[in-house]
Amino acid sequence: MTADPNSTPTADAINVADNPEINRYEAYLDGQVAGFSEYMTKPGRLIFTHTIVEPEFEGRGIGSKLVREELDDVRKRGLKVTPLCPFVRAYIRRHQEYQDLVATPDDRSR
């Protein structure tokens, strides 16, 4: 019996990993890259520029899980973020617990 491809995956089924060689966090579902967030690095911060969820995986919570885990990783690493990506910016706006990660003008001048 195969899983319904349109069913919502559980949070445990989605794995998120940083791929620093190509400057992006990737969300995997069933061994496939289902989405990713690209970033640029600056001293003390990551600048998120673009987030994509592949069309066949849209509407399944993958983008939210991806951003939540990448922001949690940024926090663990003691970094700040500049959310140029509209999806990351909107996620932070909806989840106030991540507001402290947003780089201030002082952070950006370093």
N, C-alpha and C. Protein backbone atom coordinates (compact mmCIF):
# COMPACT_ATOMS: atom_id res chain seq x y z
N MET A 1 0.85 -1.17 0.00
CA MET A 1 0.00 0.00 0.00
C MET A 1 0.89 1.24 0.00
N THR A 2 0.66 2.17 -0.91
CA THR A 2 1.45 3.39 -0.98
C THR A 2 0.72 4.52 -0.28
N ALA A 3 1.51 5.47 0.20
CA ALA A 3 0.93 6.63 0.89
C ALA A 3 0.27 7.54 -0.13
N ASP A 4 -0.77 8.21 0.30
CA ASP A 4 -1.46 9.19 -0.53
C ASP A 4 -0.51 10.37 -0.75
N PRO A 5 -0.14 10.67 -2.01
CA PRO A 5 0.81 11.76 -2.25
C PRO A 5 0.27 13.12 -1.86
N ASN A 6 -1.05 13.24 -1.70
CA ASN A 6 -1.63 14.53 -1.33
C ASN A 6 -1.86 14.66 0.17
N SER A 7 -1.55 13.61 0.92
CA SER A 7 -1.74 13.70 2.37
C SER A 7 -0.66 14.59 2.98
N THR A 8 -0.98 15.18 4.11
CA THR A 8 -0.03 16.03 4.79
C THR A 8 0.97 15.16 5.55
N PRO A 9 2.27 15.37 5.32
CA PRO A 9 3.25 14.57 6.03
C PRO A 9 3.29 14.97 7.49
N THR A 10 3.71 14.07 8.34
CA THR A 10 3.91 14.44 9.73
C THR A 10 5.21 15.22 9.81
N ALA A 11 5.36 16.01 10.85
CA ALA A 11 6.57 16.80 11.02
C ALA A 11 7.81 15.91 11.04
N ASP A 12 7.67 14.70 11.58
CA ASP A 12 8.81 13.78 11.65
C ASP A 12 9.24 13.29 10.27
N ALA A 13 8.33 13.31 9.30
CA ALA A 13 8.64 12.80 7.97
C ALA A 13 9.47 13.80 7.15
N ILE A 14 9.48 15.05 7.56
CA ILE A 14 10.22 16.09 6.85
C ILE A 14 11.54 16.32 7.58
N ASN A 15 12.64 16.14 6.86
CA ASN A 15 13.96 16.37 7.45
C ASN A 15 14.55 17.62 6.83
N VAL A 16 15.12 18.47 7.67
CA VAL A 16 15.73 19.71 7.21
C VAL A 16 17.21 19.67 7.53
N ALA A 17 18.02 20.07 6.56
CA ALA A 17 19.48 20.08 6.75
C ALA A 17 20.08 21.27 6.04
N ASP A 18 21.12 21.82 6.64
CA ASP A 18 21.89 22.89 6.00
C ASP A 18 22.82 22.24 4.99
N ASN A 19 22.90 22.83 3.81
CA ASN A 19 23.84 22.40 2.79
C ASN A 19 24.76 23.59 2.50
N PRO A 20 25.77 23.79 3.36
CA PRO A 20 26.58 25.01 3.25
C PRO A 20 27.40 25.10 1.97
N GLU A 21 27.64 23.98 1.31
CA GLU A 21 28.41 24.03 0.06
C GLU A 21 27.68 24.84 -1.01
N ILE A 22 26.35 24.85 -0.94
CA ILE A 22 25.59 25.63 -1.92
C ILE A 22 24.70 26.68 -1.25
N ASN A 23 25.00 26.98 0.01
CA ASN A 23 24.32 28.05 0.76
C ASN A 23 22.80 27.93 0.73
N ARG A 24 22.33 26.77 1.21
CA ARG A 24 20.89 26.63 1.35
C ARG A 24 20.54 25.56 2.36
N TYR A 25 19.39 25.77 3.00
CA TYR A 25 18.77 24.75 3.85
C TYR A 25 17.82 23.98 2.94
N GLU A 26 17.81 22.67 3.12
CA GLU A 26 16.97 21.82 2.28
C GLU A 26 16.00 21.01 3.13
N ALA A 27 14.77 20.89 2.65
CA ALA A 27 13.76 20.06 3.29
C ALA A 27 13.59 18.80 2.45
N TYR A 28 13.73 17.66 3.09
CA TYR A 28 13.62 16.37 2.41
C TYR A 28 12.35 15.66 2.85
N LEU A 29 11.67 15.09 1.90
CA LEU A 29 10.52 14.23 2.17
C LEU A 29 10.69 12.99 1.31
N ASP A 30 10.69 11.84 1.95
CA ASP A 30 10.88 10.57 1.24
C ASP A 30 12.16 10.57 0.41
N GLY A 31 13.23 11.18 0.95
CA GLY A 31 14.52 11.18 0.28
C GLY A 31 14.67 12.18 -0.85
N GLN A 32 13.64 12.95 -1.12
CA GLN A 32 13.70 13.94 -2.20
C GLN A 32 13.76 15.34 -1.60
N VAL A 33 14.47 16.24 -2.29
CA VAL A 33 14.44 17.64 -1.88
C VAL A 33 13.07 18.18 -2.26
N ALA A 34 12.29 18.51 -1.24
CA ALA A 34 10.93 19.02 -1.45
C ALA A 34 10.91 20.54 -1.47
N GLY A 35 11.93 21.15 -0.88
CA GLY A 35 12.01 22.61 -0.84
C GLY A 35 13.35 23.04 -0.30
N PHE A 36 13.64 24.33 -0.46
CA PHE A 36 14.91 24.86 0.03
C PHE A 36 14.81 26.36 0.24
N SER A 37 15.70 26.86 1.11
CA SER A 37 15.87 28.30 1.35
C SER A 37 17.32 28.64 1.06
N GLU A 38 17.52 29.55 0.14
CA GLU A 38 18.88 29.99 -0.20
C GLU A 38 19.28 31.15 0.69
N TYR A 39 20.58 31.22 0.97
CA TYR A 39 21.07 32.31 1.81
C TYR A 39 22.47 32.74 1.37
N MET A 40 22.81 33.95 1.78
CA MET A 40 24.17 34.46 1.65
C MET A 40 24.71 34.60 3.06
N THR A 41 26.02 34.47 3.20
CA THR A 41 26.61 34.61 4.53
C THR A 41 27.32 35.96 4.65
N LYS A 42 27.18 36.51 5.82
CA LYS A 42 27.90 37.72 6.24
C LYS A 42 28.38 37.43 7.65
N PRO A 43 29.39 38.14 8.13
CA PRO A 43 29.84 37.89 9.49
C PRO A 43 28.69 38.01 10.50
N GLY A 44 28.43 36.93 11.21
CA GLY A 44 27.44 36.92 12.26
C GLY A 44 25.99 36.78 11.82
N ARG A 45 25.76 36.60 10.52
CA ARG A 45 24.37 36.50 10.08
C ARG A 45 24.24 35.78 8.74
N LEU A 46 23.01 35.33 8.49
CA LEU A 46 22.63 34.76 7.21
C LEU A 46 21.58 35.66 6.59
N ILE A 47 21.69 35.88 5.29
CA ILE A 47 20.71 36.68 4.56
C ILE A 47 19.90 35.71 3.71
N PHE A 48 18.64 35.47 4.12
CA PHE A 48 17.79 34.56 3.36
C PHE A 48 17.21 35.30 2.17
N THR A 49 17.47 34.77 0.98
CA THR A 49 17.11 35.46 -0.25
C THR A 49 15.93 34.84 -1.00
N HIS A 50 15.72 33.54 -0.82
CA HIS A 50 14.72 32.88 -1.67
C HIS A 50 14.34 31.54 -1.05
N THR A 51 13.06 31.26 -1.02
CA THR A 51 12.58 29.96 -0.54
C THR A 51 11.66 29.37 -1.59
N ILE A 52 11.86 28.10 -1.86
CA ILE A 52 11.06 27.37 -2.86
C ILE A 52 10.55 26.08 -2.25
N VAL A 53 9.30 25.77 -2.48
CA VAL A 53 8.77 24.43 -2.24
C VAL A 53 8.39 23.92 -3.63
N GLU A 54 8.90 22.76 -3.98
CA GLU A 54 8.61 22.20 -5.30
C GLU A 54 7.10 22.04 -5.46
N PRO A 55 6.58 22.31 -6.67
CA PRO A 55 5.12 22.31 -6.87
C PRO A 55 4.42 21.04 -6.39
N GLU A 56 5.02 19.90 -6.59
CA GLU A 56 4.36 18.65 -6.19
C GLU A 56 4.27 18.48 -4.67
N PHE A 57 4.98 19.33 -3.92
CA PHE A 57 4.97 19.24 -2.46
C PHE A 57 4.25 20.42 -1.79
N GLU A 58 3.73 21.35 -2.57
CA GLU A 58 3.09 22.54 -2.01
C GLU A 58 1.85 22.18 -1.18
N GLY A 59 1.55 23.04 -0.22
CA GLY A 59 0.35 22.90 0.59
C GLY A 59 0.42 21.81 1.64
N ARG A 60 1.64 21.39 1.98
CA ARG A 60 1.78 20.28 2.93
C ARG A 60 2.59 20.68 4.17
N GLY A 61 2.80 21.98 4.35
CA GLY A 61 3.50 22.44 5.54
C GLY A 61 5.01 22.37 5.46
N ILE A 62 5.53 22.04 4.30
CA ILE A 62 6.97 21.87 4.16
C ILE A 62 7.71 23.20 4.30
N GLY A 63 7.18 24.27 3.69
CA GLY A 63 7.84 25.57 3.79
C GLY A 63 7.93 26.06 5.23
N SER A 64 6.85 25.89 5.97
CA SER A 64 6.85 26.33 7.38
C SER A 64 7.84 25.53 8.21
N LYS A 65 7.86 24.24 8.02
CA LYS A 65 8.81 23.39 8.77
C LYS A 65 10.24 23.76 8.40
N LEU A 66 10.50 24.00 7.12
CA LEU A 66 11.82 24.39 6.65
C LEU A 66 12.28 25.67 7.34
N VAL A 67 11.45 26.69 7.32
CA VAL A 67 11.84 27.98 7.90
C VAL A 67 11.98 27.86 9.42
N ARG A 68 11.08 27.17 10.08
CA ARG A 68 11.18 27.00 11.53
C ARG A 68 12.50 26.33 11.90
N GLU A 69 12.86 25.27 11.21
CA GLU A 69 14.10 24.56 11.56
C GLU A 69 15.34 25.35 11.19
N GLU A 70 15.31 26.09 10.09
CA GLU A 70 16.49 26.89 9.75
C GLU A 70 16.67 28.02 10.76
N LEU A 71 15.57 28.62 11.21
CA LEU A 71 15.68 29.67 12.21
C LEU A 71 16.14 29.11 13.56
N ASP A 72 15.67 27.93 13.90
CA ASP A 72 16.15 27.29 15.13
C ASP A 72 17.65 27.01 15.04
N ASP A 73 18.13 26.61 13.87
CA ASP A 73 19.55 26.35 13.68
C ASP A 73 20.35 27.66 13.77
N VAL A 74 19.83 28.72 13.17
CA VAL A 74 20.48 30.03 13.26
C VAL A 74 20.63 30.43 14.73
N ARG A 75 19.58 30.23 15.50
CA ARG A 75 19.63 30.58 16.93
C ARG A 75 20.70 29.76 17.64
N LYS A 76 20.74 28.44 17.38
CA LYS A 76 21.75 27.57 18.03
C LYS A 76 23.16 28.00 17.67
N ARG A 77 23.34 28.51 16.47
CA ARG A 77 24.66 28.93 16.01
C ARG A 77 25.03 30.33 16.48
N GLY A 78 24.09 31.02 17.14
CA GLY A 78 24.36 32.36 17.65
C GLY A 78 24.42 33.42 16.57
N LEU A 79 23.70 33.20 15.47
CA LEU A 79 23.71 34.14 14.34
C LEU A 79 22.42 34.96 14.32
N LYS A 80 22.39 35.94 13.46
CA LYS A 80 21.21 36.75 13.17
C LYS A 80 20.80 36.48 11.73
N VAL A 81 19.62 36.99 11.34
CA VAL A 81 19.15 36.84 9.96
C VAL A 81 18.73 38.17 9.39
N THR A 82 18.85 38.27 8.09
CA THR A 82 18.24 39.34 7.32
C THR A 82 17.28 38.64 6.38
N PRO A 83 15.97 38.78 6.61
CA PRO A 83 14.99 38.04 5.82
C PRO A 83 14.55 38.81 4.56
N LEU A 84 15.37 38.75 3.52
CA LEU A 84 14.98 39.38 2.26
C LEU A 84 13.89 38.56 1.57
N CYS A 85 13.89 37.27 1.78
CA CYS A 85 12.89 36.38 1.20
C CYS A 85 11.52 36.70 1.80
N PRO A 86 10.51 36.95 0.96
CA PRO A 86 9.19 37.27 1.49
C PRO A 86 8.59 36.17 2.37
N PHE A 87 8.84 34.91 2.05
CA PHE A 87 8.28 33.82 2.84
C PHE A 87 8.90 33.80 4.24
N VAL A 88 10.22 33.93 4.31
CA VAL A 88 10.90 33.94 5.62
C VAL A 88 10.47 35.17 6.41
N ARG A 89 10.39 36.31 5.75
CA ARG A 89 9.96 37.55 6.43
C ARG A 89 8.55 37.39 7.00
N ALA A 90 7.62 36.83 6.21
CA ALA A 90 6.25 36.64 6.67
C ALA A 90 6.20 35.63 7.82
N TYR A 91 7.00 34.59 7.76
CA TYR A 91 7.02 33.59 8.83
C TYR A 91 7.46 34.24 10.15
N ILE A 92 8.51 35.05 10.08
CA ILE A 92 9.00 35.72 11.29
C ILE A 92 7.95 36.70 11.82
N ARG A 93 7.26 37.38 10.93
CA ARG A 93 6.21 38.32 11.35
C ARG A 93 5.08 37.58 12.07
N ARG A 94 4.72 36.37 11.61
CA ARG A 94 3.66 35.58 12.23
C ARG A 94 4.10 34.86 13.49
N HIS A 95 5.40 34.65 13.66
CA HIS A 95 5.93 33.90 14.80
C HIS A 95 6.91 34.80 15.55
N GLN A 96 6.36 35.57 16.46
CA GLN A 96 7.13 36.58 17.18
C GLN A 96 8.33 36.03 17.94
N GLU A 97 8.32 34.75 18.26
CA GLU A 97 9.44 34.16 19.00
C GLU A 97 10.74 34.20 18.19
N TYR A 98 10.66 34.55 16.90
CA TYR A 98 11.87 34.64 16.07
C TYR A 98 12.29 36.08 15.79
N GLN A 99 11.54 37.06 16.28
CA GLN A 99 11.85 38.47 16.04
C GLN A 99 13.27 38.84 16.50
N ASP A 100 13.71 38.23 17.60
CA ASP A 100 15.03 38.58 18.14
C ASP A 100 16.17 38.15 17.22
N LEU A 101 15.89 37.32 16.23
CA LEU A 101 16.93 36.87 15.30
C LEU A 101 17.17 37.86 14.16
N VAL A 102 16.25 38.80 13.96
CA VAL A 102 16.37 39.72 12.84
C VAL A 102 17.49 40.72 13.12
N ALA A 103 18.41 40.81 12.19
CA ALA A 103 19.55 41.71 12.33
C ALA A 103 19.10 43.16 12.35
N THR A 104 19.68 43.92 13.25
CA THR A 104 19.43 45.35 13.34
C THR A 104 20.43 46.06 12.45
N PRO A 105 20.21 47.37 12.19
CA PRO A 105 21.22 48.11 11.40
C PRO A 105 22.63 48.00 11.99
N ASP A 106 22.74 47.94 13.33
CA ASP A 106 24.06 47.79 13.94
C ASP A 106 24.68 46.44 13.57
N ASP A 107 23.86 45.38 13.57
CA ASP A 107 24.36 44.05 13.20
C ASP A 107 24.84 44.04 11.75
N ARG A 108 24.14 44.77 10.89
CA ARG A 108 24.44 44.75 9.45
C ARG A 108 25.68 45.55 9.11
N SER A 109 26.09 46.45 10.00
CA SER A 109 27.25 47.31 9.68
C SER A 109 28.58 46.60 9.98
N ARG A 110 28.51 45.43 10.58
CA ARG A 110 29.74 44.70 10.93
C ARG A 110 30.31 43.98 9.76
